[in-house]
Structure formats: C-alpha cells, structure tokens
Amino acid sequence: MFSTIVSPQQLTQLLAQNSPSCCLLDCRFSLADRQYGQRVYSEGHISGAHYLDLDKDLASAVAPGTGRHPLPDMERLVARLRACGVTAGVQVVVYDDCAGAMAARAWWLLRGLGLDSVAVFDGGIGAWVSSGGTLSREVPAAIESDLESTPWPGHWSGTGVFSTAEVQDNLQQAQFVLVDARSAERFRGEQEPIDPVAGHIPGALNRPLTDNLDQGRFKSPQLLKQEWEALLAGRNARQVVHMCGSGVTACHNQLAMQIAGLNGSGLYPGSWSEWIQDPQRPVATGPA
C-alpha cells in the first residue's frame, strides 16, 4: 500500500489486479476557470476515476473572515467519498494535471480522516498518457462503501491543523516556523494576481511548491530531504507549519516532506487569504 506517491508503473500494476483494490479520484481544477476540472474530466479521465471538485467537495463556501478555500464539512466529504468507493483497506490514488498541486489537498484531507493508504499519482494524468495509458469518458457508478466517519483529524500523523489565532500567537513566542508554498514573487509582495494584499506573514520561510519537482515529477526522497533540511536549518518536522494562498498547495510541501521521511509537520488551512482578512494583522514584504 502507498501513502505518499505512486508511479505510472505502480498504478498500472494496481489497476491490473482483479479485486477492487484501487480507488481513483480525479482532482483537476483551475482557479482561473472553475468549470475546467469537470469539463476535462468529462472529455477523458483514467478509467474508473471519480471526480472531486475543489470548491464543492474539498472545500466549503467562503464565509466572513475565512480564506478562499475553507475546510469542507467532514460529514459531507465522507458521504461523497463513500459514493466513490473509498474505504479502509482500499488503496486510494488521487491525481490532477498540475504536478499534484490540487491532488495533494485531497491526499491531506483523506489522511486526516484516518485513511493511511492514500497516494498522489506522480506526474498526474499527463504521465499516465505518456506511459501508454488510455482515457475513458465513462462515469463510474456510485459505490456506497462502508467508510466510517472518523472524528477529524482522525489518525493524521502530523501535528495537526493550525488556526489563525495560533499563527498570530506564534509571532510573539515562536514555537514553529511557517513555510509558504507560493511563488517567490508573491511571497516577496512583488506581484499578487489572486489576493487583494501582497506579501507574507512575518517570519515565514518560502519554499515554492515547484521546488519539489523535476520535470513535473517529485524529486528523489534523498534530494528532497537534503533541500528541506537546508531550508529548515536544524528545525525538526514538528516545528513546521505549511501555508500558501488558501491552504491548498501548502499540502504539496507537506507531501514532499513526507516523501523525504520528514514526518509530523502541520498545516495552516486559512493561509494568506485568511490572514489578510484583518487589516490589523502584520504583513511583511521582501525576502525571508
């Protein structure tokens, strides 16, 4: 069973087994076109894959004071996952077409529900097609699984979920370090194409999610460990809390640390878009 990433070869082997031992979830999505994911899923997906929408399934509606992608209602998410056949003991593989930037959110949420056998398909649907895999337009029937509703964050192996209040308190007495997955330009405040305020939370480090990749695939565990340890400068994984613009691509950095064997980091789901809801919260610009 896989808990971080699977390769095209490994996925092919999983799907070749006779028993229903693998559940596929298509998580393609675009912030620039919110209908994109459902549209490209309808045009072709890995056979047997169910579609999860970032806005509808992996997040809840924006409310006053929240970021752009608040955590979903967990009971509703569990019901959706049951219809996809997700349950304990079945290998779940999530994929997208942007090197795991969206699929990692599903990976993180499912891990938080206590499911250990959840992995991101390394390279996404592009790697599947490049390796000779075919696509299907057939939408699989709903499968009512016996997935139990586990109090969230269940058996999550990380230190947990951090609130804006905890992040703000950390400014006074640093117990952890924030690692921001946004691009360097956005982190430094040089450009901000999505949120109304540019910059970053004071004291945060910057590790753009693209630094985890080599030609659209995750770097080796050894290289990731070397790079992350250099960034953290002696801090251990449990002193790390990941963030980004809205708590989605931050999961990519946490996944990269898991691949590197650096387990136990946390996540700030509200991230930058929630932090800036209160103009009294401090904002920094320039490099870390």
C-alpha atoms as a PDB file:
ATOM      1  CA  MET A   1       0.000   0.000   0.000  1.00  0.00           C
ATOM      2  CA  PHE A   2       1.202   3.523  -0.818  1.00  0.00           C
ATOM      3  CA  SER A   3       0.947   6.582   1.436  1.00  0.00           C
ATOM      4  CA  THR A   4       2.796   9.315  -0.476  1.00  0.00           C
ATOM      5  CA  ILE A   5       3.129   8.899  -4.266  1.00  0.00           C
ATOM      6  CA  VAL A   6       2.735   6.176  -6.899  1.00  0.00           C
ATOM      7  CA  SER A   7       4.456   5.953 -10.277  1.00  0.00           C
ATOM      8  CA  PRO A   8       2.748   5.118 -13.597  1.00  0.00           C
ATOM      9  CA  GLN A   9       4.178   1.608 -13.394  1.00  0.00           C
ATOM     10  CA  GLN A  10       2.869   1.095  -9.870  1.00  0.00           C
ATOM     11  CA  LEU A  11      -0.573   2.408 -10.785  1.00  0.00           C
ATOM     12  CA  THR A  12      -0.714   0.091 -13.807  1.00  0.00           C
ATOM     13  CA  GLN A  13       0.040  -2.853 -11.526  1.00  0.00           C
ATOM     14  CA  LEU A  14      -2.625  -1.783  -9.039  1.00  0.00           C
ATOM     15  CA  LEU A  15      -5.274  -1.466 -11.743  1.00  0.00           C
ATOM     16  CA  ALA A  16      -4.306  -4.849 -13.220  1.00  0.00           C
ATOM     17  CA  GLN A  17      -5.334  -6.688 -10.071  1.00  0.00           C
ATOM     18  CA  ASN A  18      -8.652  -8.494 -10.257  1.00  0.00           C
ATOM     19  CA  SER A  19     -10.042  -7.333  -6.932  1.00  0.00           C
ATOM     20  CA  PRO A  20     -11.335  -3.772  -6.444  1.00  0.00           C
ATOM     21  CA  SER A  21      -8.141  -2.827  -4.615  1.00  0.00           C
ATOM     22  CA  CYS A  22      -7.684   0.691  -6.016  1.00  0.00           C
ATOM     23  CA  CYS A  23      -9.940   3.743  -5.956  1.00  0.00           C
ATOM     24  CA  LEU A  24      -9.076   6.606  -8.324  1.00  0.00           C
ATOM     25  CA  LEU A  25     -10.031  10.227  -7.674  1.00  0.00           C
ATOM     26  CA  ASP A  26      -9.611  12.903 -10.350  1.00  0.00           C
ATOM     27  CA  CYS A  27      -8.921  16.287  -8.714  1.00  0.00           C
ATOM     28  CA  ARG A  28      -8.233  18.516 -11.702  1.00  0.00           C
ATOM     29  CA  PHE A  29      -9.169  22.145 -11.103  1.00  0.00           C
ATOM     30  CA  SER A  30      -8.243  25.657 -12.217  1.00  0.00           C
ATOM     31  CA  LEU A  31      -8.589  28.832 -10.176  1.00  0.00           C
ATOM     32  CA  ALA A  32      -8.887  30.749 -13.451  1.00  0.00           C
ATOM     33  CA  ASP A  33     -11.775  28.594 -14.745  1.00  0.00           C
ATOM     34  CA  ARG A  34     -13.794  26.863 -12.056  1.00  0.00           C
ATOM     35  CA  GLN A  35     -15.622  24.678 -14.597  1.00  0.00           C
ATOM     36  CA  TYR A  36     -12.352  23.424 -16.050  1.00  0.00           C
ATOM     37  CA  GLY A  37     -11.976  20.323 -13.890  1.00  0.00           C
ATOM     38  CA  GLN A  38     -15.433  18.908 -14.536  1.00  0.00           C
ATOM     39  CA  ARG A  39     -15.094  19.720 -18.225  1.00  0.00           C
ATOM     40  CA  VAL A  40     -11.766  17.955 -18.782  1.00  0.00           C
ATOM     41  CA  TYR A  41     -12.937  15.026 -16.651  1.00  0.00           C
ATOM     42  CA  SER A  42     -15.908  14.629 -18.997  1.00  0.00           C
ATOM     43  CA  GLU A  43     -13.578  14.776 -22.000  1.00  0.00           C
ATOM     44  CA  GLY A  44     -11.389  11.974 -20.679  1.00  0.00           C
ATOM     45  CA  HIS A  45     -10.117  10.538 -17.394  1.00  0.00           C
ATOM     46  CA  ILE A  46      -8.362   7.421 -16.159  1.00  0.00           C
ATOM     47  CA  SER A  47     -10.892   4.618 -16.387  1.00  0.00           C
ATOM     48  CA  GLY A  48     -12.828   4.138 -13.152  1.00  0.00           C
ATOM     49  CA  ALA A  49     -11.905   7.506 -11.674  1.00  0.00           C
ATOM     50  CA  HIS A  50     -14.490   9.569  -9.823  1.00  0.00           C
ATOM     51  CA  TYR A  51     -14.285  13.366  -9.895  1.00  0.00           C
ATOM     52  CA  LEU A  52     -13.749  15.519  -6.800  1.00  0.00           C
ATOM     53  CA  ASP A  53     -14.238  19.264  -7.209  1.00  0.00           C
ATOM     54  CA  LEU A  54     -12.027  21.559  -5.139  1.00  0.00           C
ATOM     55  CA  ASP A  55     -14.802  24.083  -4.466  1.00  0.00           C
ATOM     56  CA  LYS A  56     -17.681  21.643  -3.960  1.00  0.00           C
ATOM     57  CA  ASP A  57     -16.035  18.598  -2.375  1.00  0.00           C
ATOM     58  CA  LEU A  58     -12.648  19.582  -0.947  1.00  0.00           C
ATOM     59  CA  ALA A  59     -13.645  22.967   0.488  1.00  0.00           C
ATOM     60  CA  SER A  60     -16.686  24.709   1.910  1.00  0.00           C
ATOM     61  CA  ALA A  61     -18.205  28.034   0.951  1.00  0.00           C
ATOM     62  CA  VAL A  62     -16.295  31.204   1.746  1.00  0.00           C
ATOM     63  CA  ALA A  63     -17.646  32.961   4.845  1.00  0.00           C
ATOM     64  CA  PRO A  64     -16.786  36.250   6.561  1.00  0.00           C
ATOM     65  CA  GLY A  65     -13.240  36.063   7.890  1.00  0.00           C
ATOM     66  CA  THR A  66     -12.269  32.860   6.109  1.00  0.00           C
ATOM     67  CA  GLY A  67      -9.746  32.236   3.378  1.00  0.00           C
ATOM     68  CA  ARG A  68     -10.620  31.281  -0.183  1.00  0.00           C
ATOM     69  CA  HIS A  69     -10.881  27.529   0.461  1.00  0.00           C
ATOM     70  CA  PRO A  70     -12.155  26.807   3.973  1.00  0.00           C
ATOM     71  CA  LEU A  71     -12.049  23.214   5.133  1.00  0.00           C
ATOM     72  CA  PRO A  72     -15.029  21.170   3.929  1.00  0.00           C
ATOM     73  CA  ASP A  73     -17.783  19.846   6.134  1.00  0.00           C
ATOM     74  CA  MET A  74     -16.291  16.479   7.032  1.00  0.00           C
ATOM     75  CA  GLU A  75     -19.590  14.595   7.216  1.00  0.00           C
ATOM     76  CA  ARG A  76     -20.423  15.793   3.709  1.00  0.00           C
ATOM     77  CA  LEU A  77     -16.960  14.853   2.461  1.00  0.00           C
ATOM     78  CA  VAL A  78     -17.242  11.375   3.950  1.00  0.00           C
ATOM     79  CA  ALA A  79     -20.595  10.894   2.226  1.00  0.00           C
ATOM     80  CA  ARG A  80     -19.036  11.923  -1.092  1.00  0.00           C
ATOM     81  CA  LEU A  81     -16.102   9.571  -0.557  1.00  0.00           C
ATOM     82  CA  ARG A  82     -18.439   6.680   0.239  1.00  0.00           C
ATOM     83  CA  ALA A  83     -20.100   7.191  -3.147  1.00  0.00           C
ATOM     84  CA  CYS A  84     -16.646   6.936  -4.758  1.00  0.00           C
ATOM     85  CA  GLY A  85     -15.895   3.626  -3.072  1.00  0.00           C
ATOM     86  CA  VAL A  86     -13.325   4.985  -0.629  1.00  0.00           C
ATOM     87  CA  THR A  87     -12.931   2.826   2.454  1.00  0.00           C
ATOM     88  CA  ALA A  88     -10.271   1.472   4.779  1.00  0.00           C
ATOM     89  CA  GLY A  89      -8.124  -1.206   3.171  1.00  0.00           C
ATOM     90  CA  VAL A  90      -8.545   0.123  -0.369  1.00  0.00           C
ATOM     91  CA  GLN A  91      -5.654   1.963  -1.995  1.00  0.00           C
ATOM     92  CA  VAL A  92      -6.765   5.466  -2.941  1.00  0.00           C
ATOM     93  CA  VAL A  93      -4.879   7.269  -5.704  1.00  0.00           C
ATOM     94  CA  VAL A  94      -5.569  10.953  -6.344  1.00  0.00           C
ATOM     95  CA  TYR A  95      -4.370  12.806  -9.426  1.00  0.00           C
ATOM     96  CA  ASP A  96      -4.557  16.089 -11.324  1.00  0.00           C
ATOM     97  CA  ASP A  97      -2.771  17.730 -14.260  1.00  0.00           C
ATOM     98  CA  CYS A  98      -0.639  20.215 -12.305  1.00  0.00           C
ATOM     99  CA  ALA A  99       2.024  18.048 -10.669  1.00  0.00           C
ATOM    100  CA  GLY A 100      -0.068  17.310  -7.584  1.00  0.00           C
ATOM    101  CA  ALA A 101      -0.825  20.909  -6.612  1.00  0.00           C
ATOM    102  CA  MET A 102      -4.567  20.155  -6.335  1.00  0.00           C
ATOM    103  CA  ALA A 103      -4.467  16.412  -5.653  1.00  0.00           C
ATOM    104  CA  ALA A 104      -2.324  16.967  -2.561  1.00  0.00           C
ATOM    105  CA  ARG A 105      -5.305  18.700  -0.919  1.00  0.00           C
ATOM    106  CA  ALA A 106      -7.359  15.515  -1.284  1.00  0.00           C
ATOM    107  CA  TRP A 107      -4.393  13.453  -0.049  1.00  0.00           C
ATOM    108  CA  TRP A 108      -4.139  15.613   3.079  1.00  0.00           C
ATOM    109  CA  LEU A 109      -7.871  15.573   3.822  1.00  0.00           C
ATOM    110  CA  LEU A 110      -8.193  11.818   3.420  1.00  0.00           C
ATOM    111  CA  ARG A 111      -5.190  11.244   5.635  1.00  0.00           C
ATOM    112  CA  GLY A 112      -6.900  13.462   8.188  1.00  0.00           C
ATOM    113  CA  LEU A 113      -9.917  11.145   8.049  1.00  0.00           C
ATOM    114  CA  GLY A 114      -7.695   8.299   9.206  1.00  0.00           C
ATOM    115  CA  LEU A 115      -7.050   6.711   5.807  1.00  0.00           C
ATOM    116  CA  ASP A 116      -3.419   5.664   5.548  1.00  0.00           C
ATOM    117  CA  SER A 117      -3.392   4.156   2.039  1.00  0.00           C
ATOM    118  CA  VAL A 118      -3.772   7.387   0.078  1.00  0.00           C
ATOM    119  CA  ALA A 119      -1.215   8.469  -2.508  1.00  0.00           C
ATOM    120  CA  VAL A 120      -0.788  11.120  -5.201  1.00  0.00           C
ATOM    121  CA  PHE A 121      -0.157   9.882  -8.738  1.00  0.00           C
ATOM    122  CA  ASP A 122       3.285  11.274  -9.525  1.00  0.00           C
ATOM    123  CA  GLY A 123       3.153  13.215 -12.792  1.00  0.00           C
ATOM    124  CA  GLY A 124      -0.636  13.173 -12.975  1.00  0.00           C
ATOM    125  CA  ILE A 125      -2.753  12.393 -15.985  1.00  0.00           C
ATOM    126  CA  GLY A 126      -0.001  13.557 -18.332  1.00  0.00           C
ATOM    127  CA  ALA A 127       2.331  10.861 -17.011  1.00  0.00           C
ATOM    128  CA  TRP A 128      -0.454   8.313 -17.458  1.00  0.00           C
ATOM    129  CA  VAL A 129      -0.922   9.171 -21.126  1.00  0.00           C
ATOM    130  CA  SER A 130       2.836   9.387 -21.737  1.00  0.00           C
ATOM    131  CA  SER A 131       3.297   5.902 -20.302  1.00  0.00           C
ATOM    132  CA  GLY A 132       0.720   4.475 -22.719  1.00  0.00           C
ATOM    133  CA  GLY A 133      -2.355   4.678 -20.516  1.00  0.00           C
ATOM    134  CA  THR A 134      -5.727   5.274 -22.121  1.00  0.00           C
ATOM    135  CA  LEU A 135      -8.548   7.592 -21.084  1.00  0.00           C
ATOM    136  CA  SER A 136     -12.266   6.978 -20.726  1.00  0.00           C
ATOM    137  CA  ARG A 137     -15.369   9.170 -20.848  1.00  0.00           C
ATOM    138  CA  GLU A 138     -17.471   6.692 -18.900  1.00  0.00           C
ATOM    139  CA  VAL A 139     -18.553   7.953 -15.491  1.00  0.00           C
ATOM    140  CA  PRO A 140     -18.370   5.120 -12.962  1.00  0.00           C
ATOM    141  CA  ALA A 141     -21.469   4.296 -10.976  1.00  0.00           C
ATOM    142  CA  ALA A 142     -21.702   5.426  -7.378  1.00  0.00           C
ATOM    143  CA  ILE A 143     -20.488   2.769  -4.945  1.00  0.00           C
ATOM    144  CA  GLU A 144     -21.775   3.025  -1.411  1.00  0.00           C
ATOM    145  CA  SER A 145     -18.797   1.958   0.678  1.00  0.00           C
ATOM    146  CA  ASP A 146     -18.655   1.326   4.407  1.00  0.00           C
ATOM    147  CA  LEU A 147     -16.298   4.219   5.134  1.00  0.00           C
ATOM    148  CA  GLU A 148     -16.772   5.250   8.734  1.00  0.00           C
ATOM    149  CA  SER A 149     -16.984   8.861   9.774  1.00  0.00           C
ATOM    150  CA  THR A 150     -13.898   9.392  11.919  1.00  0.00           C
ATOM    151  CA  PRO A 151     -13.549  12.462  14.147  1.00  0.00           C
ATOM    152  CA  TRP A 152     -11.289  14.753  12.137  1.00  0.00           C
ATOM    153  CA  PRO A 153      -8.291  14.953  12.095  1.00  0.00           C
ATOM    154  CA  GLY A 154      -8.528  11.255  12.901  1.00  0.00           C
ATOM    155  CA  HIS A 155      -5.226   9.425  12.842  1.00  0.00           C
ATOM    156  CA  TRP A 156      -3.370  12.133  10.965  1.00  0.00           C
ATOM    157  CA  SER A 157       0.345  11.554  11.524  1.00  0.00           C
ATOM    158  CA  GLY A 158       1.169  15.267  11.504  1.00  0.00           C
ATOM    159  CA  THR A 159       0.981  17.687  14.388  1.00  0.00           C
ATOM    160  CA  GLY A 160      -2.375  18.860  13.167  1.00  0.00           C
ATOM    161  CA  VAL A 161      -4.278  21.857  11.945  1.00  0.00           C
ATOM    162  CA  PHE A 162      -3.378  25.397  12.994  1.00  0.00           C
ATOM    163  CA  SER A 163      -5.764  28.327  13.302  1.00  0.00           C
ATOM    164  CA  THR A 164      -5.146  31.967  12.519  1.00  0.00           C
ATOM    165  CA  ALA A 165      -5.152  32.712  16.253  1.00  0.00           C
ATOM    166  CA  GLU A 166      -2.377  30.171  16.805  1.00  0.00           C
ATOM    167  CA  VAL A 167      -0.364  31.620  13.928  1.00  0.00           C
ATOM    168  CA  GLN A 168      -0.801  35.120  15.356  1.00  0.00           C
ATOM    169  CA  ASP A 169       0.258  33.971  18.837  1.00  0.00           C
ATOM    170  CA  ASN A 170       3.326  32.389  17.286  1.00  0.00           C
ATOM    171  CA  LEU A 171       4.553  35.829  16.206  1.00  0.00           C
ATOM    172  CA  GLN A 172       5.211  36.707  19.847  1.00  0.00           C
ATOM    173  CA  GLN A 173       6.702  33.428  21.035  1.00  0.00           C
ATOM    174  CA  ALA A 174       7.853  31.323  18.115  1.00  0.00           C
ATOM    175  CA  GLN A 175       7.036  27.660  18.615  1.00  0.00           C
ATOM    176  CA  PHE A 176       7.007  26.786  14.939  1.00  0.00           C
ATOM    177  CA  VAL A 177       8.056  28.193  11.579  1.00  0.00           C
ATOM    178  CA  LEU A 178       5.669  28.862   8.711  1.00  0.00           C
ATOM    179  CA  VAL A 179       6.711  27.621   5.276  1.00  0.00           C
ATOM    180  CA  ASP A 180       4.849  29.348   2.433  1.00  0.00           C
ATOM    181  CA  ALA A 181       4.362  27.386  -0.812  1.00  0.00           C
ATOM    182  CA  ARG A 182       3.534  30.383  -3.021  1.00  0.00           C
ATOM    183  CA  SER A 183       5.856  31.629  -5.732  1.00  0.00           C
ATOM    184  CA  ALA A 184       8.804  33.768  -4.643  1.00  0.00           C
ATOM    185  CA  GLU A 185       7.313  36.830  -6.391  1.00  0.00           C
ATOM    186  CA  ARG A 186       4.064  36.551  -4.468  1.00  0.00           C
ATOM    187  CA  PHE A 187       5.851  35.825  -1.195  1.00  0.00           C
ATOM    188  CA  ARG A 188       8.052  38.917  -1.575  1.00  0.00           C
ATOM    189  CA  GLY A 189       4.999  41.044  -2.436  1.00  0.00           C
ATOM    190  CA  GLU A 190       6.209  41.926  -5.914  1.00  0.00           C
ATOM    191  CA  GLN A 191       3.007  40.657  -7.510  1.00  0.00           C
ATOM    192  CA  GLU A 192      -0.315  39.286  -6.278  1.00  0.00           C
ATOM    193  CA  PRO A 193      -2.666  38.034  -9.007  1.00  0.00           C
ATOM    194  CA  ILE A 194      -5.251  36.473  -6.671  1.00  0.00           C
ATOM    195  CA  ASP A 195      -5.494  38.136  -3.265  1.00  0.00           C
ATOM    196  CA  PRO A 196      -6.043  41.858  -2.549  1.00  0.00           C
ATOM    197  CA  VAL A 197      -2.938  42.235  -0.367  1.00  0.00           C
ATOM    198  CA  ALA A 198       0.611  41.275  -1.357  1.00  0.00           C
ATOM    199  CA  GLY A 199       3.367  39.991   0.902  1.00  0.00           C
ATOM    200  CA  HIS A 200       3.756  37.300   3.549  1.00  0.00           C
ATOM    201  CA  ILE A 201       3.371  36.638   7.262  1.00  0.00           C
ATOM    202  CA  PRO A 202       6.397  37.973   9.184  1.00  0.00           C
ATOM    203  CA  GLY A 203       8.948  35.279   9.960  1.00  0.00           C
ATOM    204  CA  ALA A 204       7.715  32.840   7.320  1.00  0.00           C
ATOM    205  CA  LEU A 205      10.084  30.945   5.044  1.00  0.00           C
ATOM    206  CA  ASN A 206       9.420  30.486   1.338  1.00  0.00           C
ATOM    207  CA  ARG A 207       9.516  27.127  -0.440  1.00  0.00           C
ATOM    208  CA  PRO A 208       7.591  27.362  -3.735  1.00  0.00           C
ATOM    209  CA  LEU A 209       5.941  24.025  -4.443  1.00  0.00           C
ATOM    210  CA  THR A 210       7.701  23.931  -7.814  1.00  0.00           C
ATOM    211  CA  ASP A 211      10.977  23.443  -5.915  1.00  0.00           C
ATOM    212  CA  ASN A 212       9.739  19.939  -5.049  1.00  0.00           C
ATOM    213  CA  LEU A 213       9.636  18.954  -8.711  1.00  0.00           C
ATOM    214  CA  ASP A 214      11.903  17.922 -11.534  1.00  0.00           C
ATOM    215  CA  GLN A 215      10.202  17.943 -14.951  1.00  0.00           C
ATOM    216  CA  GLY A 216       6.761  17.640 -13.370  1.00  0.00           C
ATOM    217  CA  ARG A 217       7.634  14.742 -11.063  1.00  0.00           C
ATOM    218  CA  PHE A 218       8.695  14.774  -7.429  1.00  0.00           C
ATOM    219  CA  LYS A 219      12.417  14.829  -6.820  1.00  0.00           C
ATOM    220  CA  SER A 220      14.016  11.804  -5.160  1.00  0.00           C
ATOM    221  CA  PRO A 221      13.467  11.338  -1.410  1.00  0.00           C
ATOM    222  CA  GLN A 222      17.167  11.884  -0.835  1.00  0.00           C
ATOM    223  CA  LEU A 223      17.267  15.209  -2.699  1.00  0.00           C
ATOM    224  CA  LEU A 224      14.061  16.431  -1.086  1.00  0.00           C
ATOM    225  CA  LYS A 225      15.418  15.615   2.352  1.00  0.00           C
ATOM    226  CA  GLN A 226      18.652  17.464   1.602  1.00  0.00           C
ATOM    227  CA  GLU A 227      16.843  20.564   0.353  1.00  0.00           C
ATOM    228  CA  TRP A 228      14.271  20.661   3.143  1.00  0.00           C
ATOM    229  CA  GLU A 229      16.855  20.181   5.865  1.00  0.00           C
ATOM    230  CA  ALA A 230      18.882  23.048   4.384  1.00  0.00           C
ATOM    231  CA  LEU A 231      15.806  25.301   4.449  1.00  0.00           C
ATOM    232  CA  LEU A 232      14.822  24.354   7.983  1.00  0.00           C
ATOM    233  CA  ALA A 233      18.349  24.887   9.341  1.00  0.00           C
ATOM    234  CA  GLY A 234      18.168  22.455  12.234  1.00  0.00           C
ATOM    235  CA  ARG A 235      14.449  22.622  12.951  1.00  0.00           C
ATOM    236  CA  ASN A 236      12.622  19.306  13.047  1.00  0.00           C
ATOM    237  CA  ALA A 237       9.477  18.493  11.065  1.00  0.00           C
ATOM    238  CA  ARG A 238       7.165  19.037  14.038  1.00  0.00           C
ATOM    239  CA  GLN A 239       8.269  22.654  14.193  1.00  0.00           C
ATOM    240  CA  VAL A 240       6.966  23.264  10.641  1.00  0.00           C
ATOM    241  CA  VAL A 241       3.508  24.560   9.673  1.00  0.00           C
ATOM    242  CA  HIS A 242       2.736  24.827   5.963  1.00  0.00           C
ATOM    243  CA  MET A 243       0.731  27.576   4.305  1.00  0.00           C
ATOM    244  CA  CYS A 244       0.080  29.080   0.856  1.00  0.00           C
ATOM    245  CA  GLY A 245      -2.620  31.306  -0.600  1.00  0.00           C
ATOM    246  CA  SER A 246      -5.638  29.331   0.587  1.00  0.00           C
ATOM    247  CA  GLY A 247      -4.399  26.119   2.206  1.00  0.00           C
ATOM    248  CA  VAL A 248      -4.460  24.003  -0.964  1.00  0.00           C
ATOM    249  CA  THR A 249      -0.965  23.959  -2.460  1.00  0.00           C
ATOM    250  CA  ALA A 250       0.532  24.033   1.048  1.00  0.00           C
ATOM    251  CA  CYS A 251      -0.330  20.318   1.129  1.00  0.00           C
ATOM    252  CA  HIS A 252       2.175  19.790  -1.702  1.00  0.00           C
ATOM    253  CA  ASN A 253       5.001  20.887   0.585  1.00  0.00           C
ATOM    254  CA  GLN A 254       3.773  18.632   3.357  1.00  0.00           C
ATOM    255  CA  LEU A 255       3.640  15.734   0.913  1.00  0.00           C
ATOM    256  CA  ALA A 256       7.191  16.497  -0.211  1.00  0.00           C
ATOM    257  CA  MET A 257       8.365  16.354   3.401  1.00  0.00           C
ATOM    258  CA  GLN A 258       6.583  13.032   3.871  1.00  0.00           C
ATOM    259  CA  ILE A 259       8.308  11.661   0.763  1.00  0.00           C
ATOM    260  CA  ALA A 260      11.605  12.792   2.269  1.00  0.00           C
ATOM    261  CA  GLY A 261      10.830  10.967   5.505  1.00  0.00           C
ATOM    262  CA  LEU A 262      10.383  14.229   7.406  1.00  0.00           C
ATOM    263  CA  ASN A 263       7.092  13.414   9.108  1.00  0.00           C
ATOM    264  CA  GLY A 264       4.979  15.391  11.528  1.00  0.00           C
ATOM    265  CA  SER A 265       4.577  18.865  10.054  1.00  0.00           C
ATOM    266  CA  GLY A 266       1.312  20.780  10.408  1.00  0.00           C
ATOM    267  CA  LEU A 267      -0.847  22.920   8.157  1.00  0.00           C
ATOM    268  CA  TYR A 268      -2.488  26.350   8.377  1.00  0.00           C
ATOM    269  CA  PRO A 269      -5.594  25.873   6.188  1.00  0.00           C
ATOM    270  CA  GLY A 270      -6.673  29.527   6.271  1.00  0.00           C
ATOM    271  CA  SER A 271      -3.284  30.639   4.937  1.00  0.00           C
ATOM    272  CA  TRP A 272      -2.595  34.039   3.382  1.00  0.00           C
ATOM    273  CA  SER A 273      -6.127  34.711   2.134  1.00  0.00           C
ATOM    274  CA  GLU A 274      -7.483  34.322   5.687  1.00  0.00           C
ATOM    275  CA  TRP A 275      -4.618  36.161   7.361  1.00  0.00           C
ATOM    276  CA  ILE A 276      -5.279  39.342   5.375  1.00  0.00           C
ATOM    277  CA  GLN A 277      -8.988  39.450   6.287  1.00  0.00           C
ATOM    278  CA  ASP A 278      -7.998  41.529   9.305  1.00  0.00           C
ATOM    279  CA  PRO A 279      -6.005  44.636   8.278  1.00  0.00           C
ATOM    280  CA  GLN A 280      -4.508  44.793  11.795  1.00  0.00           C
ATOM    281  CA  ARG A 281      -2.500  41.622  11.197  1.00  0.00           C
ATOM    282  CA  PRO A 282       1.083  42.404  10.193  1.00  0.00           C
ATOM    283  CA  VAL A 283       2.317  41.940   6.626  1.00  0.00           C
ATOM    284  CA  ALA A 284       5.929  41.660   5.504  1.00  0.00           C
ATOM    285  CA  THR A 285       7.442  42.125   2.046  1.00  0.00           C
ATOM    286  CA  GLY A 286      10.786  41.285   0.541  1.00  0.00           C
ATOM    287  CA  PRO A 287      12.776  38.068   1.041  1.00  0.00           C
ATOM    288  CA  ALA A 288      12.522  35.946   4.176  1.00  0.00           C
END
